Protein backbone atom coordinates (compact mmCIF):
# COMPACT_ATOMS: atom_id res chain seq x y z
CA MET A 1 -30.45 31.75 -29.08
CA THR A 2 -27.53 33.45 -27.38
CA PRO A 3 -26.79 37.18 -27.79
CA SER A 4 -23.67 36.42 -29.82
CA ALA A 5 -25.71 34.30 -32.24
CA LYS A 6 -28.29 37.07 -32.54
CA ARG A 7 -25.53 39.52 -33.44
CA GLU A 8 -24.40 37.24 -36.24
CA VAL A 9 -27.96 37.06 -37.61
CA LEU A 10 -28.26 40.83 -37.39
CA GLY A 11 -25.01 41.26 -39.32
CA VAL A 12 -26.33 39.12 -42.17
CA ARG A 13 -29.74 40.87 -42.33
CA ILE A 14 -28.30 44.39 -42.11
CA HIS A 15 -25.21 44.15 -44.33
CA GLU A 16 -26.34 41.58 -46.91
CA HIS A 17 -30.11 42.19 -47.12
CA GLY A 18 -30.17 45.91 -46.29
CA VAL A 19 -32.66 45.66 -43.46
CA ALA A 20 -32.77 48.59 -41.08
CA VAL A 21 -31.14 48.13 -37.72
CA ARG A 22 -34.35 48.91 -35.84
CA ARG A 23 -36.45 46.37 -37.78
CA ALA A 24 -33.68 43.74 -37.65
CA CYS A 25 -33.34 44.10 -33.86
CA GLN A 26 -37.09 43.76 -33.45
CA ALA A 27 -37.08 40.60 -35.58
CA VAL A 28 -34.44 38.81 -33.51
CA ARG A 29 -35.63 40.37 -30.20
CA LEU A 30 -32.33 42.07 -29.38
CA SER A 31 -32.17 45.64 -28.12
CA ARG A 32 -30.31 48.20 -30.20
CA ALA A 33 -28.21 49.10 -27.14
CA ALA A 34 -26.99 45.49 -26.96
CA TYR A 35 -26.30 45.52 -30.69
CA TYR A 36 -24.23 48.71 -30.57
CA ARG A 37 -22.42 47.76 -27.35
CA PRO A 38 -19.05 46.21 -28.24
CA PRO A 39 -18.95 42.55 -27.12
CA SER A 40 -16.63 41.86 -24.24
CA SER A 41 -14.68 38.65 -23.75
CA ARG A 42 -16.14 36.42 -21.05
CA LEU A 43 -12.70 35.08 -20.42
CA GLY A 44 -11.50 38.56 -19.57
CA ARG A 45 -14.36 39.03 -17.13
CA ASP A 46 -13.66 35.70 -15.41
CA LEU A 47 -9.89 35.98 -15.13
CA ASP A 48 -10.11 36.58 -11.40
CA VAL A 49 -12.35 33.55 -10.90
CA VAL A 50 -10.07 31.35 -13.04
CA GLY A 51 -7.01 32.38 -11.07
CA ALA A 52 -8.68 31.83 -7.70
CA LEU A 53 -9.99 28.38 -8.69
CA ASN A 54 -6.64 27.27 -10.08
CA GLU A 55 -4.92 28.38 -6.90
CA VAL A 56 -7.30 26.34 -4.71
CA VAL A 57 -7.13 23.24 -6.93
CA ALA A 58 -3.34 23.38 -7.09
CA ARG A 59 -3.16 23.14 -3.30
CA HIS A 60 -6.06 20.69 -2.83
CA ALA A 61 -6.27 18.45 -5.88
CA ARG A 62 -9.01 16.18 -4.45
CA TRP A 63 -11.47 18.94 -3.52
CA GLY A 64 -14.75 19.15 -5.42
CA PHE A 65 -16.78 22.20 -6.42
CA GLY A 66 -18.48 22.63 -3.04
CA LYS A 67 -15.27 22.80 -1.05
CA CYS A 68 -13.63 25.08 -3.62
CA PHE A 69 -16.61 27.47 -3.66
CA TYR A 70 -16.86 27.79 0.11
CA ARG A 71 -13.08 28.18 0.35
CA LEU A 72 -13.36 31.15 -2.03
CA ARG A 73 -16.21 32.58 0.04
CA ARG A 74 -14.15 32.35 3.22
CA ALA A 75 -11.30 34.08 1.38
CA GLY A 76 -13.58 37.10 0.80
CA HIS A 77 -14.72 36.53 -2.81
CA ARG A 78 -18.44 37.23 -3.27
CA TRP A 79 -18.95 35.68 -6.69
CA ASN A 80 -22.28 33.98 -7.33
CA HIS A 81 -22.17 30.20 -7.11
CA LYS A 82 -23.61 29.90 -10.64
CA ARG A 83 -20.81 31.98 -12.08
CA VAL A 84 -18.16 30.03 -10.19
CA HIS A 85 -19.69 26.73 -11.30
CA ARG A 86 -19.75 27.90 -14.94
CA VAL A 87 -16.05 28.73 -14.78
CA TYR A 88 -15.40 25.51 -12.86
CA CYS A 89 -16.95 23.45 -15.66
CA ALA A 90 -15.29 25.53 -18.40
CA LEU A 91 -11.93 24.65 -16.85
CA ARG A 92 -13.02 20.98 -16.94
CA LEU A 93 -12.46 20.69 -13.22
CA ASN A 94 -15.73 18.78 -12.87
CA LEU A 95 -14.08 15.76 -14.52
CA PRO A 96 -12.18 13.19 -12.42
CA ARG A 97 -8.68 14.43 -11.71
CA ARG A 98 -5.99 11.79 -11.47
CA THR A 99 -3.07 12.68 -9.29
CA LYS A 100 0.23 10.97 -9.97
CA ARG A 101 1.52 8.71 -7.25
CA ARG A 102 4.87 9.86 -6.02
CA VAL A 103 7.35 7.00 -6.17
CA PRO A 104 10.02 7.55 -3.52
CA THR A 105 13.61 7.78 -4.64
CA ARG A 106 15.66 5.05 -3.01
CA LEU A 107 19.34 4.29 -3.15
CA ARG A 108 20.49 0.80 -4.08
CA HIS A 109 22.16 -0.90 -1.12
CA PRO A 110 24.61 -3.77 -1.68
CA LEU A 111 23.25 -7.19 -0.78
CA VAL A 112 26.09 -8.60 1.32
CA ALA A 113 25.62 -11.23 4.01
CA PRO A 114 26.71 -9.76 7.37
CA ALA A 115 29.47 -11.50 9.27
CA ARG A 116 27.65 -11.31 12.61
CA LEU A 117 24.14 -11.55 13.96
CA ASN A 118 21.75 -8.63 14.44
CA GLU A 119 23.51 -6.63 11.77
CA THR A 120 20.57 -6.62 9.32
CA TRP A 121 17.06 -8.00 9.68
CA ALA A 122 15.00 -8.48 6.53
CA LEU A 123 11.23 -7.92 6.75
CA ASP A 124 8.57 -8.89 4.24
CA PHE A 125 4.90 -9.84 3.88
CA MET A 126 3.17 -12.75 2.19
CA ALA A 127 -0.48 -13.51 1.46
CA ASP A 128 -2.53 -16.71 1.23
CA ALA A 129 -6.07 -17.95 1.93
CA LEU A 130 -7.79 -20.47 4.19
CA TYR A 131 -9.80 -23.37 2.79
CA ASP A 132 -13.04 -21.36 3.02
CA GLY A 133 -11.55 -18.50 0.99
CA ARG A 134 -10.76 -16.06 3.78
CA GLY A 135 -7.45 -14.36 3.17
CA PHE A 136 -4.62 -13.95 5.64
CA ARG A 137 -1.16 -12.43 5.65
CA THR A 138 2.18 -13.40 7.11
CA PHE A 139 4.88 -11.07 8.43
CA ASN A 140 8.30 -12.68 8.09
CA VAL A 141 11.48 -11.59 9.89
CA LEU A 142 14.88 -12.99 8.86
CA ASP A 143 18.36 -12.38 10.23
CA GLU A 144 20.66 -12.05 7.22
CA GLY A 145 23.71 -13.02 9.29
CA ASN A 146 22.81 -16.72 9.49
CA ARG A 147 19.49 -16.75 7.53
CA GLU A 148 17.63 -17.63 10.72
CA ALA A 149 13.91 -17.04 10.57
CA LEU A 150 13.20 -15.10 13.75
CA ALA A 151 9.41 -14.99 13.51
CA ILE A 152 6.43 -15.42 11.22
CA GLU A 153 3.35 -13.56 12.40
CA ILE A 154 -0.02 -14.74 11.04
CA GLY A 155 -3.13 -12.56 10.84
CA THR A 156 -5.91 -11.28 8.63
CA SER A 157 -4.56 -7.75 9.08
CA ILE A 158 -1.02 -6.76 10.04
CA PRO A 159 -0.78 -2.95 10.24
CA SER A 160 2.28 -1.00 11.28
CA ALA A 161 1.26 -1.09 14.97
CA ARG A 162 1.30 -4.88 14.95
CA VAL A 163 4.62 -4.91 13.11
CA ILE A 164 6.08 -2.74 15.87
CA ARG A 165 4.74 -5.09 18.59
CA VAL A 166 6.34 -8.11 16.92
CA LEU A 167 9.67 -6.34 16.53
CA ASP A 168 9.58 -5.16 20.15
CA ASP A 169 9.18 -8.77 21.28
CA LEU A 170 12.04 -9.91 19.04
CA ILE A 171 14.31 -7.17 20.37
CA ARG A 172 13.62 -8.25 23.95
CA LEU A 173 14.46 -11.80 22.98
CA TYR A 174 17.39 -11.40 20.58
CA GLY A 175 18.60 -7.81 20.91
CA ARG A 176 18.29 -4.80 18.64
CA PRO A 177 19.42 -4.98 14.99
CA ALA A 178 21.58 -2.28 13.49
CA ARG A 179 19.31 -1.90 10.45
CA VAL A 180 16.32 -3.45 8.75
CA ARG A 181 15.93 -4.12 5.05
CA VAL A 182 12.36 -3.49 3.88
CA ASP A 183 10.31 -2.73 0.79
CA ASN A 184 8.07 0.29 0.23
CA GLY A 185 4.82 -1.19 1.54
CA PRO A 186 2.41 1.06 3.48
CA GLU A 187 3.05 -0.75 6.76
CA LEU A 188 6.80 -0.13 6.52
CA THR A 189 6.64 3.44 5.26
CA ALA A 190 4.08 4.50 7.87
CA GLU A 191 5.01 7.37 10.14
CA ALA A 192 4.57 5.18 13.24
CA PHE A 193 7.12 2.63 11.98
CA VAL A 194 9.63 5.30 10.92
CA ASP A 195 9.35 7.06 14.28
CA TRP A 196 9.75 3.76 16.15
CA CYS A 197 12.96 2.97 14.23
CA LEU A 198 14.24 6.45 15.02
CA VAL A 199 13.62 5.97 18.73
CA GLN A 200 15.21 2.50 18.66
CA ARG A 201 18.20 3.84 16.67
CA ILE A 202 17.59 1.34 13.88
CA ALA A 203 18.51 2.36 10.34
CA ILE A 204 15.93 1.64 7.62
CA GLY A 205 17.25 0.31 4.33
CA TYR A 206 14.46 0.71 1.77
CA ILE A 207 14.90 -1.17 -1.47
CA GLN A 208 14.12 0.54 -4.77
CA PRO A 209 10.47 0.29 -5.89
CA GLY A 210 9.86 -2.71 -8.12
CA LYS A 211 13.21 -4.32 -7.25
CA PRO A 212 12.46 -7.28 -4.93
CA ASP A 213 15.82 -8.80 -5.85
CA GLN A 214 17.43 -6.19 -3.58
CA ASN A 215 15.82 -8.08 -0.68
CA ALA A 216 16.81 -11.46 -2.06
CA PHE A 217 17.55 -13.24 1.25
CA ILE A 218 13.99 -13.07 2.52
CA GLU A 219 12.49 -13.47 -0.95
CA ARG A 220 14.26 -16.84 -1.20
CA PHE A 221 13.01 -17.71 2.29
CA ASN A 222 9.46 -16.81 1.22
CA ARG A 223 9.66 -19.31 -1.61
CA THR A 224 10.69 -22.09 0.75
CA PHE A 225 7.96 -21.18 3.24
CA ARG A 226 5.33 -21.19 0.52
CA GLU A 227 6.42 -24.51 -0.98
CA GLU A 228 6.80 -26.39 2.31
CA VAL A 229 3.93 -24.88 4.32
CA LEU A 230 1.43 -22.64 2.54
CA ASP A 231 1.10 -24.79 -0.59
CA ALA A 232 1.40 -28.10 1.27
CA TYR A 233 -1.57 -27.74 3.64
CA LEU A 234 -5.24 -26.83 3.56
CA PHE A 235 -5.86 -24.59 6.56
CA ASP A 236 -9.21 -24.18 8.27
CA THR A 237 -8.26 -21.58 10.90
CA LEU A 238 -5.49 -19.12 11.63
CA ALA A 239 -4.58 -21.17 14.69
CA GLN A 240 -3.70 -24.10 12.41
CA VAL A 241 -1.55 -21.85 10.24
CA GLN A 242 0.33 -20.50 13.25
CA GLU A 243 0.81 -23.93 14.84
CA ILE A 244 2.20 -25.58 11.71
CA THR A 245 4.30 -22.51 10.93
CA ASP A 246 5.89 -22.45 14.38
CA ALA A 247 6.77 -26.14 14.17
CA TRP A 248 8.22 -25.67 10.69
CA LEU A 249 10.29 -22.71 11.89
CA ALA A 250 11.96 -24.84 14.55
CA THR A 251 12.82 -27.45 11.92
CA TYR A 252 14.03 -24.79 9.47
CA ASN A 253 16.38 -23.16 11.96
CA THR A 254 17.80 -26.29 13.61
CA GLU A 255 17.49 -29.26 11.21
CA ARG A 256 16.90 -28.27 7.59
CA PRO A 257 20.14 -28.05 5.53
CA HIS A 258 20.63 -24.65 3.92
CA ASP A 259 22.15 -24.56 0.44
CA SER A 260 24.04 -21.29 0.80
CA LEU A 261 25.36 -22.20 4.27
CA GLY A 262 27.20 -25.36 3.25
CA GLN A 263 24.21 -27.70 3.81
CA VAL A 264 23.95 -26.92 7.53
CA PRO A 265 21.01 -25.33 9.41
CA PRO A 266 21.18 -21.60 10.24
CA LEU A 267 21.74 -22.11 13.97
CA THR A 268 24.49 -24.63 13.26
CA PHE A 269 26.21 -22.26 10.83
CA LEU A 270 26.18 -19.35 13.29
CA PRO A 271 24.70 -20.19 16.71
CA ARG A 272 22.77 -17.53 18.54
CA PRO A 273 23.68 -17.01 22.21
CA ASP A 274 20.03 -16.86 23.29
CA THR A 275 18.22 -19.52 21.29
CA PRO A 276 14.46 -20.02 21.58
CA ALA A 277 15.00 -23.37 23.30
CA LYS A 278 16.90 -21.69 26.17
CA SER A 279 14.82 -18.56 26.37
CA SER A 280 11.87 -18.28 28.72
CA THR A 281 10.50 -15.33 26.79
CA ARG A 282 7.72 -15.99 24.36
CA ILE A 283 6.71 -13.69 21.52
CA GLN A 284 3.25 -12.31 22.04
CA SER A 285 0.74 -13.43 19.48
CA SER A 286 -2.56 -11.95 18.45
CA THR A 287 -4.18 -15.39 18.46
CA PRO A 288 -7.12 -15.51 20.91
CA ALA A 289 -6.19 -16.92 24.31
CA ASP A 290 -8.86 -19.62 24.19
CA VAL A 291 -7.38 -21.18 21.04
CA PRO A 292 -4.62 -23.77 21.67
CA HIS A 293 -1.43 -22.27 20.32
CA SER A 294 2.09 -23.61 20.10
CA SER A 295 5.12 -21.51 19.39
CA LYS A 296 8.78 -22.07 18.61
CA PHE A 297 9.52 -19.96 21.69
CA THR A 298 8.13 -22.63 24.04
CA SER A 299 9.57 -25.95 25.02
CA TYR A 300 6.64 -27.88 23.55
CA ILE A 301 6.43 -28.09 19.77
CA HIS A 302 3.74 -30.14 18.06
CA ALA A 303 5.15 -31.06 14.68
CA PRO A 304 2.68 -31.85 11.90
CA VAL A 305 2.29 -35.58 11.24
CA ARG A 306 2.72 -36.60 7.64
CA GLY A 307 -0.06 -39.14 8.00
CA SER A 308 -2.51 -36.41 8.99
CA PRO A 309 -5.48 -36.00 6.64
CA ARG A 310 -4.68 -32.31 6.42
CA TYR A 311 -1.24 -32.95 4.92
CA ASN A 312 -0.94 -33.37 1.16
CA PRO A 313 2.36 -32.56 -0.55
CA ARG A 314 0.61 -32.12 -3.91
CA VAL A 315 -2.41 -30.23 -2.71
CA PHE A 316 -1.09 -26.98 -4.19
CA LEU A 317 -1.88 -28.40 -7.66
CA ALA A 318 -5.52 -28.78 -6.74
CA ARG A 319 -5.57 -25.33 -5.11
CA THR A 320 -4.05 -23.75 -8.19
CA HIS A 321 -6.60 -25.48 -10.43
CA SER A 322 -9.50 -24.39 -8.25
CA ARG A 323 -8.36 -20.76 -8.22
CA PHE A 324 -8.26 -20.57 -12.01
CA SER A 325 -11.33 -22.72 -12.70
CA GLY A 326 -13.48 -21.14 -9.99
CA SER A 327 -14.34 -24.49 -8.38
CA THR A 328 -14.05 -25.23 -4.67
């Protein structure tokens, strides 16, 4: 029984039943000095601890009790750890604290097709899986001037450092763009990518969060790439994905009619002075050197054969069914 509860019992026995204070204190085992001493508010005694804890938590929202206690000790406070923990729990700081994610404020940029090349490059990521279930990602780069797909990088992980390497290779091959249009993904908001764009004097045009339509040129390209490549083949290795993708890129840029360009390919609509066929530079790939690899930046392109057992234009129906049914 707490001292405050004992005082309540004493009040009933003394005032209602007329029991003497001495006998009542002996019955509840509370000293008369404690009974006569005016009760003090625990909150008033712990105001300094409450203020110090709130100050630490406000600056370091993810710190637990241990880090907060030792931070107070290093600040010169000599409170007992049991007292600090009692106040810590009374403030309900021992419960999980959810911090709100800060959504960056972005300005809406007009989506206008540039009249010349290297004015705006659009960057975006896609995700898919191999036949054995291993996931992989693609990093797509599109020139909005003529809708030419400059590169599609394949890999299980594409961090900001790899994005920078791919863009460095493209700049050496095609020249530097004036700006890039990107979303708010972690690879494209990383400090390394922002600093690289600053050094290269490339403006970054972030779209507003949750508004993929503001990057509509590459979003439409992603749909075509998924329908004609990712959903049309069953891939066993990343080398197969890269080989078929590179061959498809050459067809997309030089042969495939484009609806918004008057049914002509991108390089026919607005030719690039240094096309991949004339360039001796090849974009570096992270594919192991011992794996045969073909690229659109080389003179040899192995196009996929429609009679190949790996090609099935309706295989995406089976893949979709297996993903929802759980079958292989």
